[in-house]
Amino acid sequence: VQMVESGGGMVQAGGSLRLSCAASGLTIWYLTMAWYRQTPGQERTLVARLRWMDNSTFYIDSVKGRFTITKDNARNTIYLQMTSLKPEDTAIYYCNEDPHDAGYWGRGTQVTVSS
């Protein structure tokens, strides 16, 4: 199994980015997938979740209304559209199942938001 995250970069506060996560070795359409993020010295934490059975979503309070998680089953890819970015969104972003599988972590993609 391999997760390859991409789409990160450096943006100014208020900007937008769209992250992608291409999964191989597993089929995401029947899995609950999620985006996580991690800052130096902190634990990796859940940011957003998409349930496969009903396409319901969950977001942590700090990103509600700004981030949107979606997926493309045909491409076996999940996305995270991030708008109105804030400096506190700066982190490395990863995708994985929820609950996460320790063996599925990819390298992540760095998002840096400047004020």
C-alpha atoms as a PDB file:
ATOM      1  CA  VAL A   1       0.000   0.000   0.000  1.00  0.00           C
ATOM      2  CA  GLN A   2       1.227   3.453  -0.886  1.00  0.00           C
ATOM      3  CA  MET A   3      -0.222   6.901  -0.320  1.00  0.00           C
ATOM      4  CA  VAL A   4       1.279   9.727  -2.333  1.00  0.00           C
ATOM      5  CA  GLU A   5       0.285  13.197  -1.215  1.00  0.00           C
ATOM      6  CA  SER A   6       0.810  16.251  -3.383  1.00  0.00           C
ATOM      7  CA  GLY A   7      -0.371  19.802  -3.917  1.00  0.00           C
ATOM      8  CA  GLY A   8       1.208  21.516  -0.954  1.00  0.00           C
ATOM      9  CA  GLY A   9       3.136  24.736  -1.174  1.00  0.00           C
ATOM     10  CA  MET A  10       3.647  28.189   0.225  1.00  0.00           C
ATOM     11  CA  VAL A  11       0.744  30.638   0.182  1.00  0.00           C
ATOM     12  CA  GLN A  12      -0.207  33.852   1.890  1.00  0.00           C
ATOM     13  CA  ALA A  13      -2.951  33.957   4.462  1.00  0.00           C
ATOM     14  CA  GLY A  14      -6.309  33.913   2.741  1.00  0.00           C
ATOM     15  CA  GLY A  15      -5.040  31.820  -0.118  1.00  0.00           C
ATOM     16  CA  SER A  16      -6.126  28.395  -1.306  1.00  0.00           C
ATOM     17  CA  LEU A  17      -4.558  25.047  -2.050  1.00  0.00           C
ATOM     18  CA  ARG A  18      -5.887  21.712  -3.242  1.00  0.00           C
ATOM     19  CA  LEU A  19      -4.171  18.641  -1.889  1.00  0.00           C
ATOM     20  CA  SER A  20      -4.340  15.260  -3.595  1.00  0.00           C
ATOM     21  CA  CYS A  21      -3.645  11.784  -2.291  1.00  0.00           C
ATOM     22  CA  ALA A  22      -3.250   8.979  -4.793  1.00  0.00           C
ATOM     23  CA  ALA A  23      -3.685   5.573  -3.195  1.00  0.00           C
ATOM     24  CA  SER A  24      -2.306   2.344  -4.592  1.00  0.00           C
ATOM     25  CA  GLY A  25      -2.526  -1.166  -3.249  1.00  0.00           C
ATOM     26  CA  LEU A  26      -5.975  -0.597  -1.784  1.00  0.00           C
ATOM     27  CA  THR A  27      -9.364   0.523  -3.044  1.00  0.00           C
ATOM     28  CA  ILE A  28     -10.646   3.651  -1.352  1.00  0.00           C
ATOM     29  CA  TRP A  29     -14.281   3.485  -2.397  1.00  0.00           C
ATOM     30  CA  TYR A  30     -15.208   1.227   0.505  1.00  0.00           C
ATOM     31  CA  LEU A  31     -12.901   2.830   3.062  1.00  0.00           C
ATOM     32  CA  THR A  32     -13.331   5.785   5.358  1.00  0.00           C
ATOM     33  CA  MET A  33     -10.506   8.074   4.318  1.00  0.00           C
ATOM     34  CA  ALA A  34      -9.093  11.073   6.099  1.00  0.00           C
ATOM     35  CA  TRP A  35      -6.585  13.868   6.022  1.00  0.00           C
ATOM     36  CA  TYR A  36      -4.258  14.422   8.943  1.00  0.00           C
ATOM     37  CA  ARG A  37      -1.667  17.080   9.688  1.00  0.00           C
ATOM     38  CA  GLN A  38       1.397  17.376  11.834  1.00  0.00           C
ATOM     39  CA  THR A  39       3.534  20.265  13.009  1.00  0.00           C
ATOM     40  CA  PRO A  40       7.039  19.943  14.496  1.00  0.00           C
ATOM     41  CA  GLY A  41       6.971  18.489  17.978  1.00  0.00           C
ATOM     42  CA  GLN A  42       3.276  17.708  17.806  1.00  0.00           C
ATOM     43  CA  GLU A  43       1.321  14.544  17.193  1.00  0.00           C
ATOM     44  CA  ARG A  44      -0.316  13.885  13.865  1.00  0.00           C
ATOM     45  CA  THR A  45      -3.991  14.823  14.165  1.00  0.00           C
ATOM     46  CA  LEU A  46      -7.140  14.263  12.166  1.00  0.00           C
ATOM     47  CA  VAL A  47      -8.317  17.199  10.066  1.00  0.00           C
ATOM     48  CA  ALA A  48     -11.155  15.807   7.948  1.00  0.00           C
ATOM     49  CA  ARG A  49     -12.861  12.475   7.316  1.00  0.00           C
ATOM     50  CA  LEU A  50     -15.028  11.091   4.526  1.00  0.00           C
ATOM     51  CA  ARG A  51     -17.121   7.997   5.242  1.00  0.00           C
ATOM     52  CA  TRP A  52     -17.475   5.609   2.341  1.00  0.00           C
ATOM     53  CA  MET A  53     -20.915   4.246   3.217  1.00  0.00           C
ATOM     54  CA  ASP A  54     -22.812   7.534   3.040  1.00  0.00           C
ATOM     55  CA  ASN A  55     -20.231  10.107   1.949  1.00  0.00           C
ATOM     56  CA  SER A  56     -20.735  11.958   5.203  1.00  0.00           C
ATOM     57  CA  THR A  57     -17.924  14.225   6.298  1.00  0.00           C
ATOM     58  CA  PHE A  58     -16.331  15.382   9.523  1.00  0.00           C
ATOM     59  CA  TYR A  59     -14.081  18.374  10.062  1.00  0.00           C
ATOM     60  CA  ILE A  60     -12.310  19.649  13.093  1.00  0.00           C
ATOM     61  CA  ASP A  61     -13.746  22.953  14.284  1.00  0.00           C
ATOM     62  CA  SER A  62     -10.797  25.054  13.166  1.00  0.00           C
ATOM     63  CA  VAL A  63     -11.236  24.125   9.486  1.00  0.00           C
ATOM     64  CA  LYS A  64     -15.018  23.923   9.212  1.00  0.00           C
ATOM     65  CA  GLY A  65     -16.318  26.051   6.387  1.00  0.00           C
ATOM     66  CA  ARG A  66     -12.823  26.421   4.911  1.00  0.00           C
ATOM     67  CA  PHE A  67     -11.735  22.866   4.008  1.00  0.00           C
ATOM     68  CA  THR A  68     -13.589  20.301   1.898  1.00  0.00           C
ATOM     69  CA  ILE A  69     -12.694  16.621   1.603  1.00  0.00           C
ATOM     70  CA  THR A  70     -13.756  14.754  -1.508  1.00  0.00           C
ATOM     71  CA  LYS A  71     -12.759  11.649  -3.401  1.00  0.00           C
ATOM     72  CA  ASP A  72     -12.659  10.258  -6.912  1.00  0.00           C
ATOM     73  CA  ASN A  73     -13.217   6.508  -6.753  1.00  0.00           C
ATOM     74  CA  ALA A  74     -12.287   6.029 -10.388  1.00  0.00           C
ATOM     75  CA  ARG A  75      -8.905   7.654  -9.764  1.00  0.00           C
ATOM     76  CA  ASN A  76      -8.550   6.091  -6.303  1.00  0.00           C
ATOM     77  CA  THR A  77      -7.684   9.565  -5.069  1.00  0.00           C
ATOM     78  CA  ILE A  78      -8.847  11.792  -2.252  1.00  0.00           C
ATOM     79  CA  TYR A  79      -8.619  15.556  -2.164  1.00  0.00           C
ATOM     80  CA  LEU A  80      -8.586  18.345   0.360  1.00  0.00           C
ATOM     81  CA  GLN A  81      -9.650  21.734  -0.918  1.00  0.00           C
ATOM     82  CA  MET A  82      -8.358  24.362   1.476  1.00  0.00           C
ATOM     83  CA  THR A  83      -9.532  27.965   1.312  1.00  0.00           C
ATOM     84  CA  SER A  84      -9.077  31.027   3.501  1.00  0.00           C
ATOM     85  CA  LEU A  85      -5.847  29.532   4.735  1.00  0.00           C
ATOM     86  CA  LYS A  86      -4.403  30.745   8.015  1.00  0.00           C
ATOM     87  CA  PRO A  87      -0.844  30.609   9.361  1.00  0.00           C
ATOM     88  CA  GLU A  88      -2.015  28.038  11.914  1.00  0.00           C
ATOM     89  CA  ASP A  89      -2.817  25.683   9.034  1.00  0.00           C
ATOM     90  CA  THR A  90       0.918  25.367   8.383  1.00  0.00           C
ATOM     91  CA  ALA A  91       1.799  21.681   8.696  1.00  0.00           C
ATOM     92  CA  ILE A  92       2.674  18.544   6.805  1.00  0.00           C
ATOM     93  CA  TYR A  93      -0.547  16.997   5.530  1.00  0.00           C
ATOM     94  CA  TYR A  94      -1.033  13.246   5.184  1.00  0.00           C
ATOM     95  CA  CYS A  95      -3.845  10.972   4.058  1.00  0.00           C
ATOM     96  CA  ASN A  96      -4.751   7.615   5.509  1.00  0.00           C
ATOM     97  CA  GLU A  97      -7.715   5.555   6.521  1.00  0.00           C
ATOM     98  CA  ASP A  98      -9.673   6.447   9.628  1.00  0.00           C
ATOM     99  CA  PRO A  99      -8.839   4.846  11.969  1.00  0.00           C
ATOM    100  CA  HIS A 100      -5.381   5.176  10.463  1.00  0.00           C
ATOM    101  CA  ASP A 101      -3.211   2.231   9.566  1.00  0.00           C
ATOM    102  CA  ALA A 102       0.365   2.767  10.711  1.00  0.00           C
ATOM    103  CA  GLY A 103       1.669   1.063   7.615  1.00  0.00           C
ATOM    104  CA  TYR A 104      -0.082   3.415   5.211  1.00  0.00           C
ATOM    105  CA  TRP A 105       1.594   6.721   6.007  1.00  0.00           C
ATOM    106  CA  GLY A 106       3.098   8.450   3.011  1.00  0.00           C
ATOM    107  CA  ARG A 107       5.644  11.251   2.993  1.00  0.00           C
ATOM    108  CA  GLY A 108       3.016  13.931   3.243  1.00  0.00           C
ATOM    109  CA  THR A 109       2.923  17.316   1.583  1.00  0.00           C
ATOM    110  CA  GLN A 110       4.077  20.518   3.230  1.00  0.00           C
ATOM    111  CA  VAL A 111       1.676  23.434   3.502  1.00  0.00           C
ATOM    112  CA  THR A 112       3.118  26.745   4.624  1.00  0.00           C
ATOM    113  CA  VAL A 113       0.880  29.773   5.141  1.00  0.00           C
ATOM    114  CA  SER A 114       2.519  33.121   5.698  1.00  0.00           C
ATOM    115  CA  SER A 115       0.856  36.036   7.438  1.00  0.00           C
END
